[in-house]
Amino acid sequence: MYITFPGYQYSSYKNSVAAIKQVEQQLKDNHFLLISSPQEYTIPDSLIFDTPYHLTKKGLDWRTGILIQDLKRVVKNYHSN
């Protein structure tokens, strides 16, 4: 199982960074395999629709591209071991 993060509206991320980092650390402390960091999934405010987690089509494409790159990297590393 791979764990990554949702797309975060940039301004909301800045307002909640301490709580987000705490969740990230708890996941690490419990030995979950994180394939990204929360910072990597910050989405420009202009790509957010009507709530901090509701992406526009361009925002969805942005996040999907990040996720695809993360998964490619993990699969490549898995097969090279």
PDB file of N, CA and C in Angstrom:
ATOM      1  N   MET A   1       0.840  -1.154   0.000  1.00  0.00           N
ATOM      2  CA  MET A   1       0.000   0.000   0.000  1.00  0.00           C
ATOM      3  C   MET A   1       0.898   1.233   0.000  1.00  0.00           C
ATOM      4  N   TYR A   2       0.574   2.159  -0.860  1.00  0.00           N
ATOM      5  CA  TYR A   2       1.303   3.421  -0.936  1.00  0.00           C
ATOM      6  C   TYR A   2       0.415   4.546  -0.422  1.00  0.00           C
ATOM      7  N   ILE A   3       1.020   5.458   0.293  1.00  0.00           N
ATOM      8  CA  ILE A   3       0.263   6.591   0.812  1.00  0.00           C
ATOM      9  C   ILE A   3       0.842   7.869   0.243  1.00  0.00           C
ATOM     10  N   THR A   4      -0.054   8.696  -0.235  1.00  0.00           N
ATOM     11  CA  THR A   4       0.302  10.018  -0.712  1.00  0.00           C
ATOM     12  C   THR A   4      -0.674  11.007  -0.087  1.00  0.00           C
ATOM     13  N   PHE A   5      -0.683  12.209  -0.553  1.00  0.00           N
ATOM     14  CA  PHE A   5      -1.491  13.246   0.071  1.00  0.00           C
ATOM     15  C   PHE A   5      -2.488  13.830  -0.920  1.00  0.00           C
ATOM     16  N   PRO A   6      -3.557  14.411  -0.389  1.00  0.00           N
ATOM     17  CA  PRO A   6      -4.524  15.059  -1.281  1.00  0.00           C
ATOM     18  C   PRO A   6      -3.950  16.352  -1.835  1.00  0.00           C
ATOM     19  N   GLY A   7      -4.598  16.880  -2.821  1.00  0.00           N
ATOM     20  CA  GLY A   7      -4.226  18.200  -3.309  1.00  0.00           C
ATOM     21  C   GLY A   7      -4.631  19.247  -2.280  1.00  0.00           C
ATOM     22  N   TYR A   8      -3.671  20.066  -1.872  1.00  0.00           N
ATOM     23  CA  TYR A   8      -3.949  21.118  -0.894  1.00  0.00           C
ATOM     24  C   TYR A   8      -3.956  22.471  -1.581  1.00  0.00           C
ATOM     25  N   GLN A   9      -4.989  23.245  -1.354  1.00  0.00           N
ATOM     26  CA  GLN A   9      -4.994  24.627  -1.809  1.00  0.00           C
ATOM     27  C   GLN A   9      -3.809  25.319  -1.143  1.00  0.00           C
ATOM     28  N   TYR A  10      -3.005  26.028  -1.923  1.00  0.00           N
ATOM     29  CA  TYR A  10      -1.777  26.623  -1.414  1.00  0.00           C
ATOM     30  C   TYR A  10      -2.025  27.487  -0.177  1.00  0.00           C
ATOM     31  N   SER A  11      -3.004  28.380  -0.227  1.00  0.00           N
ATOM     32  CA  SER A  11      -3.240  29.273   0.912  1.00  0.00           C
ATOM     33  C   SER A  11      -3.754  28.494   2.125  1.00  0.00           C
ATOM     34  N   SER A  12      -4.543  27.455   1.929  1.00  0.00           N
ATOM     35  CA  SER A  12      -5.012  26.627   3.045  1.00  0.00           C
ATOM     36  C   SER A  12      -3.861  25.822   3.640  1.00  0.00           C
ATOM     37  N   TYR A  13      -2.975  25.339   2.791  1.00  0.00           N
ATOM     38  CA  TYR A  13      -1.805  24.608   3.275  1.00  0.00           C
ATOM     39  C   TYR A  13      -0.970  25.495   4.202  1.00  0.00           C
ATOM     40  N   LYS A  14      -0.726  26.719   3.773  1.00  0.00           N
ATOM     41  CA  LYS A  14       0.065  27.649   4.583  1.00  0.00           C
ATOM     42  C   LYS A  14      -0.578  27.882   5.947  1.00  0.00           C
ATOM     43  N   ASN A  15      -1.903  27.919   5.989  1.00  0.00           N
ATOM     44  CA  ASN A  15      -2.614  28.152   7.243  1.00  0.00           C
ATOM     45  C   ASN A  15      -2.639  26.932   8.154  1.00  0.00           C
ATOM     46  N   SER A  16      -2.388  25.748   7.613  1.00  0.00           N
ATOM     47  CA  SER A  16      -2.515  24.500   8.374  1.00  0.00           C
ATOM     48  C   SER A  16      -1.239  23.676   8.398  1.00  0.00           C
ATOM     49  N   VAL A  17      -0.124  24.264   8.043  1.00  0.00           N
ATOM     50  CA  VAL A  17       1.107  23.486   7.862  1.00  0.00           C
ATOM     51  C   VAL A  17       1.504  22.723   9.123  1.00  0.00           C
ATOM     52  N   ALA A  18       1.316  23.278  10.295  1.00  0.00           N
ATOM     53  CA  ALA A  18       1.706  22.579  11.528  1.00  0.00           C
ATOM     54  C   ALA A  18       0.896  21.292  11.708  1.00  0.00           C
ATOM     55  N   ALA A  19      -0.408  21.366  11.502  1.00  0.00           N
ATOM     56  CA  ALA A  19      -1.260  20.181  11.640  1.00  0.00           C
ATOM     57  C   ALA A  19      -0.941  19.144  10.564  1.00  0.00           C
ATOM     58  N   ILE A  20      -0.706  19.600   9.350  1.00  0.00           N
ATOM     59  CA  ILE A  20      -0.380  18.688   8.251  1.00  0.00           C
ATOM     60  C   ILE A  20       0.937  17.975   8.529  1.00  0.00           C
ATOM     61  N   LYS A  21       1.919  18.703   9.014  1.00  0.00           N
ATOM     62  CA  LYS A  21       3.217  18.094   9.343  1.00  0.00           C
ATOM     63  C   LYS A  21       3.068  17.067  10.471  1.00  0.00           C
ATOM     64  N   GLN A  22       2.177  17.346  11.411  1.00  0.00           N
ATOM     65  CA  GLN A  22       1.943  16.415  12.504  1.00  0.00           C
ATOM     66  C   GLN A  22       1.372  15.090  11.981  1.00  0.00           C
ATOM     67  N   VAL A  23       0.412  15.177  11.074  1.00  0.00           N
ATOM     68  CA  VAL A  23      -0.157  13.965  10.475  1.00  0.00           C
ATOM     69  C   VAL A  23       0.920  13.207   9.695  1.00  0.00           C
ATOM     70  N   GLU A  24       1.713  13.930   8.916  1.00  0.00           N
ATOM     71  CA  GLU A  24       2.794  13.297   8.162  1.00  0.00           C
ATOM     72  C   GLU A  24       3.746  12.556   9.100  1.00  0.00           C
ATOM     73  N   GLN A  25       4.114  13.187  10.191  1.00  0.00           N
ATOM     74  CA  GLN A  25       5.043  12.565  11.138  1.00  0.00           C
ATOM     75  C   GLN A  25       4.433  11.330  11.794  1.00  0.00           C
ATOM     76  N   GLN A  26       3.163  11.390  12.128  1.00  0.00           N
ATOM     77  CA  GLN A  26       2.498  10.229  12.718  1.00  0.00           C
ATOM     78  C   GLN A  26       2.468   9.054  11.747  1.00  0.00           C
ATOM     79  N   LEU A  27       2.243   9.332  10.480  1.00  0.00           N
ATOM     80  CA  LEU A  27       2.290   8.266   9.477  1.00  0.00           C
ATOM     81  C   LEU A  27       3.678   7.647   9.413  1.00  0.00           C
ATOM     82  N   LYS A  28       4.695   8.484   9.410  1.00  0.00           N
ATOM     83  CA  LYS A  28       6.076   7.980   9.380  1.00  0.00           C
ATOM     84  C   LYS A  28       6.400   7.187  10.631  1.00  0.00           C
ATOM     85  N   ASP A  29       5.988   7.701  11.779  1.00  0.00           N
ATOM     86  CA  ASP A  29       6.255   7.023  13.050  1.00  0.00           C
ATOM     87  C   ASP A  29       5.614   5.648  13.105  1.00  0.00           C
ATOM     88  N   ASN A  30       4.519   5.468  12.358  1.00  0.00           N
ATOM     89  CA  ASN A  30       3.828   4.183  12.330  1.00  0.00           C
ATOM     90  C   ASN A  30       4.224   3.340  11.128  1.00  0.00           C
ATOM     91  N   HIS A  31       5.339   3.716  10.507  1.00  0.00           N
ATOM     92  CA  HIS A  31       5.988   2.930   9.446  1.00  0.00           C
ATOM     93  C   HIS A  31       5.158   2.769   8.176  1.00  0.00           C
ATOM     94  N   PHE A  32       4.352   3.774   7.857  1.00  0.00           N
ATOM     95  CA  PHE A  32       3.653   3.776   6.578  1.00  0.00           C
ATOM     96  C   PHE A  32       4.616   4.252   5.494  1.00  0.00           C
ATOM     97  N   LEU A  33       4.486   3.691   4.315  1.00  0.00           N
ATOM     98  CA  LEU A  33       5.318   4.079   3.187  1.00  0.00           C
ATOM     99  C   LEU A  33       4.691   5.280   2.493  1.00  0.00           C
ATOM    100  N   LEU A  34       5.298   6.441   2.673  1.00  0.00           N
ATOM    101  CA  LEU A  34       4.829   7.664   2.027  1.00  0.00           C
ATOM    102  C   LEU A  34       5.610   7.846   0.741  1.00  0.00           C
ATOM    103  N   ILE A  35       4.920   8.047  -0.352  1.00  0.00           N
ATOM    104  CA  ILE A  35       5.615   8.185  -1.633  1.00  0.00           C
ATOM    105  C   ILE A  35       5.744   9.640  -2.058  1.00  0.00           C
ATOM    106  N   SER A  36       5.340  10.536  -1.170  1.00  0.00           N
ATOM    107  CA  SER A  36       5.447  11.962  -1.471  1.00  0.00           C
ATOM    108  C   SER A  36       5.412  12.732  -0.164  1.00  0.00           C
ATOM    109  N   SER A  37       5.453  14.027  -0.288  1.00  0.00           N
ATOM    110  CA  SER A  37       5.306  14.890   0.882  1.00  0.00           C
ATOM    111  C   SER A  37       4.086  15.784   0.660  1.00  0.00           C
ATOM    112  N   PRO A  38       3.527  16.316   1.737  1.00  0.00           N
ATOM    113  CA  PRO A  38       2.373  17.206   1.564  1.00  0.00           C
ATOM    114  C   PRO A  38       2.701  18.425   0.700  1.00  0.00           C
ATOM    115  N   GLN A  39       3.916  18.947   0.830  1.00  0.00           N
ATOM    116  CA  GLN A  39       4.309  20.126   0.050  1.00  0.00           C
ATOM    117  C   GLN A  39       4.213  19.885  -1.443  1.00  0.00           C
ATOM    118  N   GLU A  40       4.524  18.669  -1.865  1.00  0.00           N
ATOM    119  CA  GLU A  40       4.489  18.354  -3.296  1.00  0.00           C
ATOM    120  C   GLU A  40       3.083  18.438  -3.879  1.00  0.00           C
ATOM    121  N   TYR A  41       2.090  18.340  -3.021  1.00  0.00           N
ATOM    122  CA  TYR A  41       0.709  18.328  -3.483  1.00  0.00           C
ATOM    123  C   TYR A  41      -0.017  19.648  -3.217  1.00  0.00           C
ATOM    124  N   THR A  42       0.733  20.715  -2.999  1.00  0.00           N
ATOM    125  CA  THR A  42       0.081  22.017  -2.895  1.00  0.00           C
ATOM    126  C   THR A  42      -0.302  22.472  -4.298  1.00  0.00           C
ATOM    127  N   ILE A  43      -1.509  22.944  -4.410  1.00  0.00           N
ATOM    128  CA  ILE A  43      -2.089  23.329  -5.691  1.00  0.00           C
ATOM    129  C   ILE A  43      -2.297  24.842  -5.696  1.00  0.00           C
ATOM    130  N   PRO A  44      -1.902  25.530  -6.746  1.00  0.00           N
ATOM    131  CA  PRO A  44      -2.139  26.982  -6.801  1.00  0.00           C
ATOM    132  C   PRO A  44      -3.621  27.309  -6.578  1.00  0.00           C
ATOM    133  N   ASP A  45      -3.868  28.364  -5.843  1.00  0.00           N
ATOM    134  CA  ASP A  45      -5.243  28.768  -5.547  1.00  0.00           C
ATOM    135  C   ASP A  45      -6.084  28.916  -6.816  1.00  0.00           C
ATOM    136  N   SER A  46      -5.469  29.308  -7.902  1.00  0.00           N
ATOM    137  CA  SER A  46      -6.210  29.517  -9.153  1.00  0.00           C
ATOM    138  C   SER A  46      -6.764  28.215  -9.734  1.00  0.00           C
ATOM    139  N   LEU A  47      -6.292  27.059  -9.236  1.00  0.00           N
ATOM    140  CA  LEU A  47      -6.746  25.759  -9.741  1.00  0.00           C
ATOM    141  C   LEU A  47      -7.736  25.089  -8.788  1.00  0.00           C
ATOM    142  N   ILE A  48      -8.260  25.865  -7.833  1.00  0.00           N
ATOM    143  CA  ILE A  48      -9.237  25.376  -6.871  1.00  0.00           C
ATOM    144  C   ILE A  48     -10.608  25.898  -7.281  1.00  0.00           C
ATOM    145  N   PHE A  49     -11.624  25.046  -7.169  1.00  0.00           N
ATOM    146  CA  PHE A  49     -12.964  25.433  -7.610  1.00  0.00           C
ATOM    147  C   PHE A  49     -13.706  26.207  -6.523  1.00  0.00           C
ATOM    148  N   ASP A  50     -14.382  25.521  -5.591  1.00  0.00           N
ATOM    149  CA  ASP A  50     -15.213  26.235  -4.624  1.00  0.00           C
ATOM    150  C   ASP A  50     -14.947  25.880  -3.169  1.00  0.00           C
ATOM    151  N   THR A  51     -14.079  24.932  -2.925  1.00  0.00           N
ATOM    152  CA  THR A  51     -13.658  24.581  -1.563  1.00  0.00           C
ATOM    153  C   THR A  51     -12.166  24.289  -1.628  1.00  0.00           C
ATOM    154  N   PRO A  52     -11.474  24.294  -0.479  1.00  0.00           N
ATOM    155  CA  PRO A  52     -10.023  24.084  -0.494  1.00  0.00           C
ATOM    156  C   PRO A  52      -9.554  22.739  -1.059  1.00  0.00           C
ATOM    157  N   TYR A  53     -10.461  21.786  -1.211  1.00  0.00           N
ATOM    158  CA  TYR A  53     -10.078  20.464  -1.717  1.00  0.00           C
ATOM    159  C   TYR A  53     -10.793  20.098  -3.020  1.00  0.00           C
ATOM    160  N   HIS A  54     -11.538  21.016  -3.591  1.00  0.00           N
ATOM    161  CA  HIS A  54     -12.278  20.749  -4.824  1.00  0.00           C
ATOM    162  C   HIS A  54     -11.542  21.408  -5.990  1.00  0.00           C
ATOM    163  N   LEU A  55     -10.875  20.592  -6.777  1.00  0.00           N
ATOM    164  CA  LEU A  55     -10.020  21.092  -7.846  1.00  0.00           C
ATOM    165  C   LEU A  55     -10.809  21.351  -9.129  1.00  0.00           C
ATOM    166  N   THR A  56     -10.337  22.325  -9.897  1.00  0.00           N
ATOM    167  CA  THR A  56     -10.847  22.515 -11.244  1.00  0.00           C
ATOM    168  C   THR A  56     -10.299  21.389 -12.118  1.00  0.00           C
ATOM    169  N   LYS A  57     -10.719  21.329 -13.362  1.00  0.00           N
ATOM    170  CA  LYS A  57     -10.187  20.304 -14.277  1.00  0.00           C
ATOM    171  C   LYS A  57      -8.679  20.458 -14.416  1.00  0.00           C
ATOM    172  N   LYS A  58      -8.198  21.690 -14.533  1.00  0.00           N
ATOM    173  CA  LYS A  58      -6.752  21.908 -14.628  1.00  0.00           C
ATOM    174  C   LYS A  58      -6.060  21.494 -13.336  1.00  0.00           C
ATOM    175  N   GLY A  59      -6.705  21.746 -12.200  1.00  0.00           N
ATOM    176  CA  GLY A  59      -6.144  21.326 -10.916  1.00  0.00           C
ATOM    177  C   GLY A  59      -6.087  19.817 -10.797  1.00  0.00           C
ATOM    178  N   LEU A  60      -7.135  19.159 -11.267  1.00  0.00           N
ATOM    179  CA  LEU A  60      -7.165  17.697 -11.263  1.00  0.00           C
ATOM    180  C   LEU A  60      -6.046  17.140 -12.136  1.00  0.00           C
ATOM    181  N   ASP A  61      -5.869  17.719 -13.311  1.00  0.00           N
ATOM    182  CA  ASP A  61      -4.785  17.275 -14.199  1.00  0.00           C
ATOM    183  C   ASP A  61      -3.427  17.503 -13.549  1.00  0.00           C
ATOM    184  N   TRP A  62      -3.268  18.629 -12.859  1.00  0.00           N
ATOM    185  CA  TRP A  62      -2.013  18.957 -12.161  1.00  0.00           C
ATOM    186  C   TRP A  62      -1.708  17.866 -11.126  1.00  0.00           C
ATOM    187  N   ARG A  63      -2.688  17.577 -10.260  1.00  0.00           N
ATOM    188  CA  ARG A  63      -2.472  16.593  -9.203  1.00  0.00           C
ATOM    189  C   ARG A  63      -2.256  15.197  -9.780  1.00  0.00           C
ATOM    190  N   THR A  64      -3.009  14.840 -10.802  1.00  0.00           N
ATOM    191  CA  THR A  64      -2.857  13.530 -11.431  1.00  0.00           C
ATOM    192  C   THR A  64      -1.448  13.369 -12.002  1.00  0.00           C
ATOM    193  N   GLY A  65      -0.924  14.432 -12.605  1.00  0.00           N
ATOM    194  CA  GLY A  65       0.440  14.380 -13.129  1.00  0.00           C
ATOM    195  C   GLY A  65       1.465  14.132 -12.037  1.00  0.00           C
ATOM    196  N   ILE A  66       1.287  14.784 -10.902  1.00  0.00           N
ATOM    197  CA  ILE A  66       2.196  14.578  -9.765  1.00  0.00           C
ATOM    198  C   ILE A  66       2.101  13.131  -9.287  1.00  0.00           C
ATOM    199  N   LEU A  67       0.880  12.631  -9.141  1.00  0.00           N
ATOM    200  CA  LEU A  67       0.676  11.258  -8.675  1.00  0.00           C
ATOM    201  C   LEU A  67       1.290  10.245  -9.634  1.00  0.00           C
ATOM    202  N   ILE A  68       1.114  10.444 -10.923  1.00  0.00           N
ATOM    203  CA  ILE A  68       1.691   9.527 -11.912  1.00  0.00           C
ATOM    204  C   ILE A  68       3.213   9.496 -11.790  1.00  0.00           C
ATOM    205  N   GLN A  69       3.828  10.647 -11.636  1.00  0.00           N
ATOM    206  CA  GLN A  69       5.293  10.697 -11.485  1.00  0.00           C
ATOM    207  C   GLN A  69       5.729   9.973 -10.212  1.00  0.00           C
ATOM    208  N   ASP A  70       5.007  10.185  -9.117  1.00  0.00           N
ATOM    209  CA  ASP A  70       5.335   9.490  -7.864  1.00  0.00           C
ATOM    210  C   ASP A  70       5.234   7.977  -8.031  1.00  0.00           C
ATOM    211  N   LEU A  71       4.159   7.521  -8.655  1.00  0.00           N
ATOM    212  CA  LEU A  71       3.981   6.081  -8.839  1.00  0.00           C
ATOM    213  C   LEU A  71       5.027   5.492  -9.783  1.00  0.00           C
ATOM    214  N   LYS A  72       5.372   6.209 -10.833  1.00  0.00           N
ATOM    215  CA  LYS A  72       6.432   5.733 -11.735  1.00  0.00           C
ATOM    216  C   LYS A  72       7.750   5.572 -10.980  1.00  0.00           C
ATOM    217  N   ARG A  73       8.059   6.548 -10.147  1.00  0.00           N
ATOM    218  CA  ARG A  73       9.304   6.488  -9.375  1.00  0.00           C
ATOM    219  C   ARG A  73       9.305   5.289  -8.424  1.00  0.00           C
ATOM    220  N   VAL A  74       8.199   5.053  -7.748  1.00  0.00           N
ATOM    221  CA  VAL A  74       8.111   3.944  -6.798  1.00  0.00           C
ATOM    222  C   VAL A  74       8.220   2.608  -7.519  1.00  0.00           C
ATOM    223  N   VAL A  75       7.510   2.470  -8.630  1.00  0.00           N
ATOM    224  CA  VAL A  75       7.543   1.213  -9.387  1.00  0.00           C
ATOM    225  C   VAL A  75       8.958   0.985  -9.932  1.00  0.00           C
ATOM    226  N   LYS A  76       9.579   2.010 -10.448  1.00  0.00           N
ATOM    227  CA  LYS A  76      10.947   1.880 -10.971  1.00  0.00           C
ATOM    228  C   LYS A  76      11.903   1.443  -9.866  1.00  0.00           C
ATOM    229  N   ASN A  77      11.798   2.065  -8.701  1.00  0.00           N
ATOM    230  CA  ASN A  77      12.659   1.699  -7.572  1.00  0.00           C
ATOM    231  C   ASN A  77      12.379   0.288  -7.091  1.00  0.00           C
ATOM    232  N   TYR A  78      11.125  -0.124  -7.102  1.00  0.00           N
ATOM    233  CA  TYR A  78      10.752  -1.466  -6.689  1.00  0.00           C
ATOM    234  C   TYR A  78      11.376  -2.511  -7.599  1.00  0.00           C
ATOM    235  N   HIS A  79      11.316  -2.258  -8.893  1.00  0.00           N
ATOM    236  CA  HIS A  79      11.830  -3.236  -9.865  1.00  0.00           C
ATOM    237  C   HIS A  79      13.357  -3.222  -9.967  1.00  0.00           C
ATOM    238  N   SER A  80      13.988  -2.160  -9.483  1.00  0.00           N
ATOM    239  CA  SER A  80      15.449  -2.125  -9.551  1.00  0.00           C
ATOM    240  C   SER A  80      16.086  -2.780  -8.334  1.00  0.00           C
ATOM    241  N   ASN A  81      15.277  -3.138  -7.340  1.00  0.00           N
ATOM    242  CA  ASN A  81      15.826  -3.798  -6.122  1.00  0.00           C
ATOM    243  C   ASN A  81      15.798  -5.271  -6.215  1.00  0.00           C
TER     244      ASN A  81
END
